[in-house]
Structure formats: C-alpha cells, structure tokens
Amino acid sequence: MALHSLHNFDRHPLHDLRLTQQITVLWAVFLLGLLFHTQLALMPLFHGLAVLAPHGHVATSLAEIAPVLWGTLFFFLLPLLAMIAIVLYPSQPLRVAHLGLTGVYTLLNLSHLAADLIIQPIAWYQIVLMVLLVLVGLLLNQVAYQWVRLHAPRSHRIVSI
C-alpha cells in the first residue's frame, strides 16, 4: 500500500508538468496561427493588391482604428499572460479562470470563423486556417479541463460526461 501511494505521488507532479507543457504549447500554436491569419490577410499588399475592408469603411487615421488596435493587443496579450501565469503560479483559482479564458477564446474563434464564412468573397485558405485554430482551441479546452480536474478537491471535482 505504501509503495502504491508513493507511486501515485510521483506520477502526479509529472502529469501536472505534462499538462502545463501541453497548455503552453497549444497557446503558442494558437498565437502563431493568429499571426499567420493576419499575415495571410495582408499578403495581397505585397503583390500590389488592395486588402479587403470587410466593414466597408476605410480609415484615414490611426485614431479611427485605435479600438481595433487595443482590442487586438489584448486578444494577443491575454494568452501570453496566461502562459506565464500557468507556469509560475499554477493555483487552483488560476486553473479555473484559465479554463474560462480558453472557453471564451473558443467562442470568439467560432464567431470569427462564422464571420469569415459570411464575408464575400470567401477566402478558403483563411477558412482552413480558422478551422485549425478552432480545433486547437477545443484541444486547449480539453487539456485545461484536465488540468483543473487534476487539482480539484475531491468534494469539488468537476464531473466528467
């Protein structure tokens, strides 16, 4: 019995480390995918073509797009901060908050995918990339859920379906 308990104690930190590494890598893949999504959208500029403004308004100053710039900054910044926090401060409240953050990002990615399907003409290369990002997000949700469950007190365990 004592040997069995010791064996479980040794596996627990390693499993936690593995999940932390998986989450960090999945966030990094997600952020690289977002950067590539932006690069794909801007690539026509490098070939002398105009970039589509899906909302129909062409800005004449940075001030007009300041909310978009700040929103984009926070959209990139939150996963970067999450990656740092899960490695340095992996508390249970952070794990639960992180799971919520991954859920919000999944919903935002799904809505972005839907918007990309509405904008004409449909850029199918962007759709393929967005589907990949949604799948990475769903995998991130699953691993984040496992990470929460790993340290949830027995009386507060999240029930698996």
C-alpha atoms as a PDB file:
ATOM      1  CA  MET A   1       0.000   0.000   0.000  1.00  0.00           C
ATOM      2  CA  ALA A   2       2.776   2.446   0.888  1.00  0.00           C
ATOM      3  CA  LEU A   3       4.586   1.674  -2.378  1.00  0.00           C
ATOM      4  CA  HIS A   4       1.350   2.273  -4.328  1.00  0.00           C
ATOM      5  CA  SER A   5       0.832   5.654  -2.605  1.00  0.00           C
ATOM      6  CA  LEU A   6       4.402   6.660  -3.323  1.00  0.00           C
ATOM      7  CA  HIS A   7       3.968   5.675  -6.970  1.00  0.00           C
ATOM      8  CA  ASN A   8       0.841   7.869  -7.294  1.00  0.00           C
ATOM      9  CA  PHE A   9       2.641  10.758  -5.591  1.00  0.00           C
ATOM     10  CA  ASP A  10       5.500  10.540  -8.103  1.00  0.00           C
ATOM     11  CA  ARG A  11       3.171  10.452 -11.128  1.00  0.00           C
ATOM     12  CA  HIS A  12       1.028  13.382 -10.022  1.00  0.00           C
ATOM     13  CA  PRO A  13       3.688  16.122 -10.392  1.00  0.00           C
ATOM     14  CA  LEU A  14       4.830  14.665 -13.713  1.00  0.00           C
ATOM     15  CA  HIS A  15       1.260  14.582 -15.024  1.00  0.00           C
ATOM     16  CA  ASP A  16       0.802  18.184 -13.884  1.00  0.00           C
ATOM     17  CA  LEU A  17       4.012  19.217 -15.647  1.00  0.00           C
ATOM     18  CA  ARG A  18       2.932  17.423 -18.817  1.00  0.00           C
ATOM     19  CA  LEU A  19      -0.431  19.210 -18.826  1.00  0.00           C
ATOM     20  CA  THR A  20       1.250  22.570 -18.177  1.00  0.00           C
ATOM     21  CA  GLN A  21       3.605  21.953 -21.095  1.00  0.00           C
ATOM     22  CA  GLN A  22       0.720  20.924 -23.352  1.00  0.00           C
ATOM     23  CA  ILE A  23      -1.238  24.065 -22.467  1.00  0.00           C
ATOM     24  CA  THR A  24       1.779  26.289 -23.107  1.00  0.00           C
ATOM     25  CA  VAL A  25       2.489  24.662 -26.475  1.00  0.00           C
ATOM     26  CA  LEU A  26      -1.177  24.828 -27.524  1.00  0.00           C
ATOM     27  CA  TRP A  27      -1.343  28.546 -26.655  1.00  0.00           C
ATOM     28  CA  ALA A  28       1.876  29.112 -28.643  1.00  0.00           C
ATOM     29  CA  VAL A  29       0.452  27.231 -31.652  1.00  0.00           C
ATOM     30  CA  PHE A  30      -2.747  29.259 -31.352  1.00  0.00           C
ATOM     31  CA  LEU A  31      -0.854  32.576 -31.265  1.00  0.00           C
ATOM     32  CA  LEU A  32       1.330  31.590 -34.222  1.00  0.00           C
ATOM     33  CA  GLY A  33      -1.835  30.655 -36.116  1.00  0.00           C
ATOM     34  CA  LEU A  34      -3.334  34.059 -35.324  1.00  0.00           C
ATOM     35  CA  LEU A  35      -0.227  35.798 -36.596  1.00  0.00           C
ATOM     36  CA  PHE A  36      -0.332  33.748 -39.772  1.00  0.00           C
ATOM     37  CA  HIS A  37      -4.064  34.514 -40.158  1.00  0.00           C
ATOM     38  CA  THR A  38      -3.186  38.219 -40.104  1.00  0.00           C
ATOM     39  CA  GLN A  39      -0.255  37.711 -42.473  1.00  0.00           C
ATOM     40  CA  LEU A  40      -2.475  35.852 -44.952  1.00  0.00           C
ATOM     41  CA  ALA A  41      -4.951  38.739 -44.868  1.00  0.00           C
ATOM     42  CA  LEU A  42      -2.188  41.257 -45.583  1.00  0.00           C
ATOM     43  CA  MET A  43      -0.350  39.225 -48.235  1.00  0.00           C
ATOM     44  CA  PRO A  44      -2.239  40.852 -51.165  1.00  0.00           C
ATOM     45  CA  LEU A  45      -0.461  44.118 -50.270  1.00  0.00           C
ATOM     46  CA  PHE A  46       2.875  42.513 -51.142  1.00  0.00           C
ATOM     47  CA  HIS A  47       1.552  41.748 -54.619  1.00  0.00           C
ATOM     48  CA  GLY A  48       0.136  45.190 -55.357  1.00  0.00           C
ATOM     49  CA  LEU A  49      -3.459  44.297 -54.489  1.00  0.00           C
ATOM     50  CA  ALA A  50      -5.827  46.046 -52.117  1.00  0.00           C
ATOM     51  CA  VAL A  51      -6.747  44.492 -48.782  1.00  0.00           C
ATOM     52  CA  LEU A  52     -10.439  43.912 -48.247  1.00  0.00           C
ATOM     53  CA  ALA A  53     -12.077  46.117 -45.604  1.00  0.00           C
ATOM     54  CA  PRO A  54     -15.000  43.841 -44.643  1.00  0.00           C
ATOM     55  CA  HIS A  55     -16.934  46.594 -42.891  1.00  0.00           C
ATOM     56  CA  GLY A  56     -16.784  48.856 -45.948  1.00  0.00           C
ATOM     57  CA  HIS A  57     -15.071  51.747 -44.152  1.00  0.00           C
ATOM     58  CA  VAL A  58     -11.514  52.750 -44.996  1.00  0.00           C
ATOM     59  CA  ALA A  59      -9.788  54.512 -42.114  1.00  0.00           C
ATOM     60  CA  THR A  60      -7.917  57.743 -42.731  1.00  0.00           C
ATOM     61  CA  SER A  61      -6.039  57.857 -39.404  1.00  0.00           C
ATOM     62  CA  LEU A  62      -4.787  55.582 -36.647  1.00  0.00           C
ATOM     63  CA  ALA A  63      -7.200  57.264 -34.233  1.00  0.00           C
ATOM     64  CA  GLU A  64     -10.119  55.787 -36.182  1.00  0.00           C
ATOM     65  CA  ILE A  65      -8.858  52.258 -35.638  1.00  0.00           C
ATOM     66  CA  ALA A  66      -7.498  52.728 -32.102  1.00  0.00           C
ATOM     67  CA  PRO A  67     -10.207  50.472 -30.570  1.00  0.00           C
ATOM     68  CA  VAL A  68      -9.289  47.721 -33.045  1.00  0.00           C
ATOM     69  CA  LEU A  69      -5.603  48.100 -32.237  1.00  0.00           C
ATOM     70  CA  TRP A  70      -6.213  47.978 -28.458  1.00  0.00           C
ATOM     71  CA  GLY A  71      -8.602  45.030 -28.842  1.00  0.00           C
ATOM     72  CA  THR A  72      -6.041  43.139 -30.898  1.00  0.00           C
ATOM     73  CA  LEU A  73      -3.348  43.911 -28.337  1.00  0.00           C
ATOM     74  CA  PHE A  74      -5.464  42.481 -25.507  1.00  0.00           C
ATOM     75  CA  PHE A  75      -6.507  39.492 -27.614  1.00  0.00           C
ATOM     76  CA  PHE A  76      -2.798  38.588 -28.056  1.00  0.00           C
ATOM     77  CA  LEU A  77      -1.711  39.725 -24.585  1.00  0.00           C
ATOM     78  CA  LEU A  78      -4.119  37.565 -22.554  1.00  0.00           C
ATOM     79  CA  PRO A  79      -2.778  34.221 -23.864  1.00  0.00           C
ATOM     80  CA  LEU A  80       0.795  35.434 -23.349  1.00  0.00           C
ATOM     81  CA  LEU A  81      -0.004  36.344 -19.741  1.00  0.00           C
ATOM     82  CA  ALA A  82      -1.860  33.046 -19.307  1.00  0.00           C
ATOM     83  CA  MET A  83       1.212  31.121 -20.471  1.00  0.00           C
ATOM     84  CA  ILE A  84       3.383  32.938 -17.930  1.00  0.00           C
ATOM     85  CA  ALA A  85       0.859  32.552 -15.116  1.00  0.00           C
ATOM     86  CA  ILE A  86       0.251  28.820 -15.567  1.00  0.00           C
ATOM     87  CA  VAL A  87       3.979  28.146 -15.416  1.00  0.00           C
ATOM     88  CA  LEU A  88       4.743  30.439 -12.455  1.00  0.00           C
ATOM     89  CA  TYR A  89       1.514  30.488 -10.383  1.00  0.00           C
ATOM     90  CA  PRO A  90      -0.497  27.320 -11.031  1.00  0.00           C
ATOM     91  CA  SER A  91      -3.057  27.794  -8.249  1.00  0.00           C
ATOM     92  CA  GLN A  92      -6.494  26.202  -8.422  1.00  0.00           C
ATOM     93  CA  PRO A  93      -8.322  29.556  -8.853  1.00  0.00           C
ATOM     94  CA  LEU A  94      -5.969  30.357 -11.754  1.00  0.00           C
ATOM     95  CA  ARG A  95      -6.672  26.940 -13.290  1.00  0.00           C
ATOM     96  CA  VAL A  96     -10.416  27.588 -13.187  1.00  0.00           C
ATOM     97  CA  ALA A  97     -10.003  31.125 -14.564  1.00  0.00           C
ATOM     98  CA  HIS A  98      -7.752  29.762 -17.307  1.00  0.00           C
ATOM     99  CA  LEU A  99     -10.370  27.185 -18.267  1.00  0.00           C
ATOM    100  CA  GLY A 100     -12.886  30.027 -18.555  1.00  0.00           C
ATOM    101  CA  LEU A 101     -10.443  32.014 -20.700  1.00  0.00           C
ATOM    102  CA  THR A 102      -9.996  29.082 -23.082  1.00  0.00           C
ATOM    103  CA  GLY A 103     -13.769  28.802 -23.360  1.00  0.00           C
ATOM    104  CA  VAL A 104     -14.116  32.499 -24.209  1.00  0.00           C
ATOM    105  CA  TYR A 105     -11.405  32.212 -26.871  1.00  0.00           C
ATOM    106  CA  THR A 106     -13.127  29.190 -28.380  1.00  0.00           C
ATOM    107  CA  LEU A 107     -16.391  31.134 -28.651  1.00  0.00           C
ATOM    108  CA  LEU A 108     -14.568  34.114 -30.174  1.00  0.00           C
ATOM    109  CA  ASN A 109     -12.825  31.845 -32.703  1.00  0.00           C
ATOM    110  CA  LEU A 110     -16.110  30.217 -33.673  1.00  0.00           C
ATOM    111  CA  SER A 111     -17.705  33.633 -34.197  1.00  0.00           C
ATOM    112  CA  HIS A 112     -14.674  34.755 -36.238  1.00  0.00           C
ATOM    113  CA  LEU A 113     -14.957  31.614 -38.370  1.00  0.00           C
ATOM    114  CA  ALA A 114     -18.648  32.355 -38.939  1.00  0.00           C
ATOM    115  CA  ALA A 115     -17.797  35.944 -39.932  1.00  0.00           C
ATOM    116  CA  ASP A 116     -15.138  34.714 -42.354  1.00  0.00           C
ATOM    117  CA  LEU A 117     -17.773  32.491 -43.964  1.00  0.00           C
ATOM    118  CA  ILE A 118     -20.108  35.469 -44.438  1.00  0.00           C
ATOM    119  CA  ILE A 119     -17.602  37.924 -45.947  1.00  0.00           C
ATOM    120  CA  GLN A 120     -17.586  37.701 -49.736  1.00  0.00           C
ATOM    121  CA  PRO A 121     -15.560  36.543 -51.492  1.00  0.00           C
ATOM    122  CA  ILE A 122     -14.796  33.704 -49.098  1.00  0.00           C
ATOM    123  CA  ALA A 123     -11.056  33.238 -48.630  1.00  0.00           C
ATOM    124  CA  TRP A 124     -10.966  29.449 -48.288  1.00  0.00           C
ATOM    125  CA  TYR A 125      -7.306  29.431 -47.220  1.00  0.00           C
ATOM    126  CA  GLN A 126      -8.370  31.585 -44.253  1.00  0.00           C
ATOM    127  CA  ILE A 127     -11.279  29.230 -43.505  1.00  0.00           C
ATOM    128  CA  VAL A 128      -8.919  26.241 -43.404  1.00  0.00           C
ATOM    129  CA  LEU A 129      -6.628  28.109 -41.004  1.00  0.00           C
ATOM    130  CA  MET A 130      -9.546  29.233 -38.811  1.00  0.00           C
ATOM    131  CA  VAL A 131     -10.887  25.660 -38.626  1.00  0.00           C
ATOM    132  CA  LEU A 132      -7.440  24.556 -37.492  1.00  0.00           C
ATOM    133  CA  LEU A 133      -7.389  27.329 -34.865  1.00  0.00           C
ATOM    134  CA  VAL A 134     -10.846  26.287 -33.608  1.00  0.00           C
ATOM    135  CA  LEU A 135      -9.632  22.682 -33.331  1.00  0.00           C
ATOM    136  CA  VAL A 136      -6.508  23.809 -31.439  1.00  0.00           C
ATOM    137  CA  GLY A 137      -8.807  25.834 -29.168  1.00  0.00           C
ATOM    138  CA  LEU A 138     -11.031  22.817 -28.491  1.00  0.00           C
ATOM    139  CA  LEU A 139      -7.954  20.739 -27.657  1.00  0.00           C
ATOM    140  CA  LEU A 140      -6.790  23.551 -25.372  1.00  0.00           C
ATOM    141  CA  ASN A 141     -10.215  23.470 -23.654  1.00  0.00           C
ATOM    142  CA  GLN A 142      -9.859  19.723 -23.089  1.00  0.00           C
ATOM    143  CA  VAL A 143      -6.327  19.931 -21.661  1.00  0.00           C
ATOM    144  CA  ALA A 144      -7.249  22.935 -19.481  1.00  0.00           C
ATOM    145  CA  TYR A 145     -10.222  20.952 -18.147  1.00  0.00           C
ATOM    146  CA  GLN A 146      -7.927  18.020 -17.289  1.00  0.00           C
ATOM    147  CA  TRP A 147      -5.553  20.457 -15.567  1.00  0.00           C
ATOM    148  CA  VAL A 148      -8.398  21.813 -13.398  1.00  0.00           C
ATOM    149  CA  ARG A 149      -9.606  18.321 -12.529  1.00  0.00           C
ATOM    150  CA  LEU A 150      -6.112  17.181 -11.550  1.00  0.00           C
ATOM    151  CA  HIS A 151      -6.054  19.519  -8.545  1.00  0.00           C
ATOM    152  CA  ALA A 152      -9.736  19.930  -7.727  1.00  0.00           C
ATOM    153  CA  PRO A 153     -10.515  18.858  -4.153  1.00  0.00           C
ATOM    154  CA  ARG A 154     -12.443  15.592  -4.123  1.00  0.00           C
ATOM    155  CA  SER A 155     -15.565  17.354  -2.816  1.00  0.00           C
ATOM    156  CA  HIS A 156     -15.361  19.916  -5.676  1.00  0.00           C
ATOM    157  CA  ARG A 157     -14.457  17.587  -8.531  1.00  0.00           C
ATOM    158  CA  ILE A 158     -15.883  18.545 -11.875  1.00  0.00           C
ATOM    159  CA  VAL A 159     -17.906  15.644 -13.151  1.00  0.00           C
ATOM    160  CA  SER A 160     -16.867  14.162 -16.478  1.00  0.00           C
ATOM    161  CA  ILE A 161     -19.509  13.376 -19.024  1.00  0.00           C
END
